[in-house]
Amino acid sequence: MKKTIGSILAGGGLVGILYFGYQYFQNSESFEAFGADIAVSTGDYVPILVSAVVMLVGIVITRVK
């Protein structure tokens, strides 16, 4: 049972990292100033961190005996 719950959490966390990471990079804007290309991200990184924590908790649950 622990292995199943851990696998679901790890998989959900990975999907969250991929999805929110893609959104984060899509929300970045770039402009040119003095000949240099400057990128500014307007995305929120908190969902990425939460997904990473969920994934790590899932991995720990599957590995603990």
N, C-alpha and C. Protein backbone atom coordinates (compact mmCIF):
# COMPACT_ATOMS: atom_id res chain seq x y z
N MET A 1 0.81 -1.19 0.00
CA MET A 1 0.00 0.00 0.00
C MET A 1 0.86 1.26 0.00
N LYS A 2 1.94 1.25 0.81
CA LYS A 2 2.82 2.41 0.85
C LYS A 2 3.48 2.65 -0.51
N LYS A 3 3.85 1.56 -1.16
CA LYS A 3 4.51 1.68 -2.45
C LYS A 3 3.58 2.31 -3.49
N THR A 4 2.32 1.94 -3.45
CA THR A 4 1.35 2.50 -4.40
C THR A 4 1.13 3.98 -4.15
N ILE A 5 0.94 4.36 -2.90
CA ILE A 5 0.74 5.77 -2.57
C ILE A 5 1.99 6.58 -2.92
N GLY A 6 3.16 6.04 -2.60
CA GLY A 6 4.40 6.73 -2.93
C GLY A 6 4.59 6.89 -4.42
N SER A 7 4.24 5.89 -5.18
CA SER A 7 4.35 5.97 -6.64
C SER A 7 3.40 7.01 -7.22
N ILE A 8 2.19 7.06 -6.69
CA ILE A 8 1.22 8.06 -7.15
C ILE A 8 1.71 9.47 -6.84
N LEU A 9 2.23 9.67 -5.62
CA LEU A 9 2.75 10.99 -5.25
C LEU A 9 3.96 11.37 -6.10
N ALA A 10 4.87 10.43 -6.31
CA ALA A 10 6.05 10.72 -7.12
C ALA A 10 5.66 11.04 -8.56
N GLY A 11 4.75 10.27 -9.12
CA GLY A 11 4.30 10.52 -10.49
C GLY A 11 3.56 11.85 -10.61
N GLY A 12 2.70 12.13 -9.65
CA GLY A 12 1.98 13.41 -9.65
C GLY A 12 2.92 14.59 -9.50
N GLY A 13 3.92 14.44 -8.66
CA GLY A 13 4.91 15.50 -8.49
C GLY A 13 5.70 15.75 -9.76
N LEU A 14 6.06 14.67 -10.45
CA LEU A 14 6.80 14.81 -11.71
C LEU A 14 5.95 15.50 -12.77
N VAL A 15 4.69 15.11 -12.86
CA VAL A 15 3.78 15.75 -13.82
C VAL A 15 3.62 17.23 -13.47
N GLY A 16 3.51 17.53 -12.19
CA GLY A 16 3.40 18.93 -11.75
C GLY A 16 4.63 19.74 -12.10
N ILE A 17 5.81 19.16 -11.91
CA ILE A 17 7.05 19.86 -12.25
C ILE A 17 7.09 20.15 -13.74
N LEU A 18 6.74 19.17 -14.55
CA LEU A 18 6.76 19.38 -16.00
C LEU A 18 5.74 20.43 -16.43
N TYR A 19 4.52 20.32 -15.92
CA TYR A 19 3.46 21.25 -16.32
C TYR A 19 3.75 22.68 -15.86
N PHE A 20 4.04 22.84 -14.58
CA PHE A 20 4.27 24.19 -14.05
C PHE A 20 5.60 24.76 -14.54
N GLY A 21 6.58 23.90 -14.80
CA GLY A 21 7.83 24.37 -15.38
C GLY A 21 7.62 24.91 -16.78
N TYR A 22 6.79 24.24 -17.57
CA TYR A 22 6.47 24.72 -18.91
C TYR A 22 5.75 26.06 -18.84
N GLN A 23 4.78 26.18 -17.92
CA GLN A 23 4.07 27.45 -17.75
C GLN A 23 5.02 28.56 -17.32
N TYR A 24 5.96 28.23 -16.45
CA TYR A 24 6.91 29.22 -15.96
C TYR A 24 7.74 29.79 -17.10
N PHE A 25 8.22 28.92 -17.98
CA PHE A 25 9.03 29.38 -19.10
C PHE A 25 8.19 30.10 -20.15
N GLN A 26 6.92 29.77 -20.26
CA GLN A 26 6.06 30.47 -21.21
C GLN A 26 5.74 31.88 -20.74
N ASN A 27 5.80 32.12 -19.44
CA ASN A 27 5.50 33.44 -18.88
C ASN A 27 6.72 34.35 -18.84
N SER A 28 7.81 33.96 -19.46
CA SER A 28 8.98 34.82 -19.46
C SER A 28 8.93 35.73 -20.68
N GLU A 29 9.43 36.93 -20.50
CA GLU A 29 9.47 37.92 -21.57
C GLU A 29 10.91 38.34 -21.78
N SER A 30 11.25 38.65 -23.01
CA SER A 30 12.61 39.11 -23.29
C SER A 30 12.54 40.40 -24.10
N PHE A 31 13.51 41.24 -23.88
CA PHE A 31 13.62 42.49 -24.63
C PHE A 31 15.08 42.83 -24.79
N GLU A 32 15.34 43.74 -25.67
CA GLU A 32 16.72 44.12 -25.95
C GLU A 32 16.99 45.50 -25.36
N ALA A 33 18.10 45.60 -24.65
CA ALA A 33 18.51 46.88 -24.06
C ALA A 33 20.02 47.02 -24.24
N PHE A 34 20.42 48.07 -24.88
CA PHE A 34 21.83 48.37 -25.12
C PHE A 34 22.55 47.23 -25.84
N GLY A 35 21.86 46.57 -26.73
CA GLY A 35 22.46 45.50 -27.52
C GLY A 35 22.47 44.14 -26.84
N ALA A 36 21.95 44.06 -25.63
CA ALA A 36 21.90 42.78 -24.90
C ALA A 36 20.46 42.30 -24.79
N ASP A 37 20.25 41.02 -24.97
CA ASP A 37 18.92 40.44 -24.85
C ASP A 37 18.68 40.10 -23.38
N ILE A 38 17.65 40.68 -22.77
CA ILE A 38 17.37 40.50 -21.35
C ILE A 38 16.06 39.75 -21.21
N ALA A 39 16.09 38.68 -20.44
CA ALA A 39 14.88 37.87 -20.21
C ALA A 39 14.39 38.10 -18.78
N VAL A 40 13.10 38.37 -18.66
CA VAL A 40 12.49 38.59 -17.36
C VAL A 40 11.35 37.59 -17.22
N SER A 41 11.38 36.83 -16.14
CA SER A 41 10.32 35.85 -15.92
C SER A 41 9.25 36.45 -15.03
N THR A 42 8.02 36.36 -15.49
CA THR A 42 6.89 36.83 -14.70
C THR A 42 6.12 35.66 -14.10
N GLY A 43 6.65 34.45 -14.25
CA GLY A 43 5.97 33.26 -13.75
C GLY A 43 6.15 33.08 -12.25
N ASP A 44 5.32 32.24 -11.70
CA ASP A 44 5.36 31.92 -10.28
C ASP A 44 6.07 30.58 -10.09
N TYR A 45 7.10 30.54 -9.29
CA TYR A 45 7.90 29.33 -9.11
C TYR A 45 7.42 28.47 -7.94
N VAL A 46 6.49 28.96 -7.15
CA VAL A 46 6.03 28.22 -5.97
C VAL A 46 5.39 26.87 -6.34
N PRO A 47 4.53 26.79 -7.37
CA PRO A 47 3.98 25.47 -7.71
C PRO A 47 5.04 24.46 -8.12
N ILE A 48 6.13 24.92 -8.70
CA ILE A 48 7.23 24.02 -9.07
C ILE A 48 7.86 23.45 -7.81
N LEU A 49 8.09 24.31 -6.82
CA LEU A 49 8.68 23.85 -5.56
C LEU A 49 7.76 22.88 -4.82
N VAL A 50 6.47 23.18 -4.81
CA VAL A 50 5.51 22.29 -4.14
C VAL A 50 5.48 20.93 -4.84
N SER A 51 5.50 20.93 -6.17
CA SER A 51 5.51 19.67 -6.91
C SER A 51 6.78 18.88 -6.64
N ALA A 52 7.91 19.58 -6.51
CA ALA A 52 9.17 18.90 -6.21
C ALA A 52 9.12 18.26 -4.82
N VAL A 53 8.54 18.96 -3.86
CA VAL A 53 8.43 18.41 -2.50
C VAL A 53 7.51 17.19 -2.50
N VAL A 54 6.39 17.26 -3.23
CA VAL A 54 5.47 16.12 -3.31
C VAL A 54 6.17 14.93 -3.95
N MET A 55 6.95 15.18 -5.00
CA MET A 55 7.67 14.10 -5.66
C MET A 55 8.69 13.47 -4.71
N LEU A 56 9.43 14.29 -3.98
CA LEU A 56 10.42 13.76 -3.03
C LEU A 56 9.76 12.96 -1.91
N VAL A 57 8.63 13.44 -1.41
CA VAL A 57 7.89 12.69 -0.38
C VAL A 57 7.45 11.34 -0.93
N GLY A 58 6.98 11.32 -2.16
CA GLY A 58 6.59 10.06 -2.79
C GLY A 58 7.74 9.10 -2.93
N ILE A 59 8.90 9.62 -3.31
CA ILE A 59 10.08 8.76 -3.44
C ILE A 59 10.50 8.20 -2.08
N VAL A 60 10.47 9.05 -1.06
CA VAL A 60 10.84 8.60 0.28
C VAL A 60 9.87 7.53 0.77
N ILE A 61 8.58 7.73 0.53
CA ILE A 61 7.59 6.74 0.98
C ILE A 61 7.81 5.40 0.30
N THR A 62 8.16 5.40 -0.98
CA THR A 62 8.38 4.13 -1.67
C THR A 62 9.66 3.44 -1.22
N ARG A 63 10.65 4.19 -0.77
CA ARG A 63 11.93 3.60 -0.37
C ARG A 63 11.98 3.16 1.07
N VAL A 64 11.15 3.75 1.94
CA VAL A 64 11.16 3.40 3.37
C VAL A 64 10.47 2.06 3.56
N LYS A 65 11.09 1.22 4.35
CA LYS A 65 10.50 -0.11 4.60
C LYS A 65 9.70 -0.13 5.88
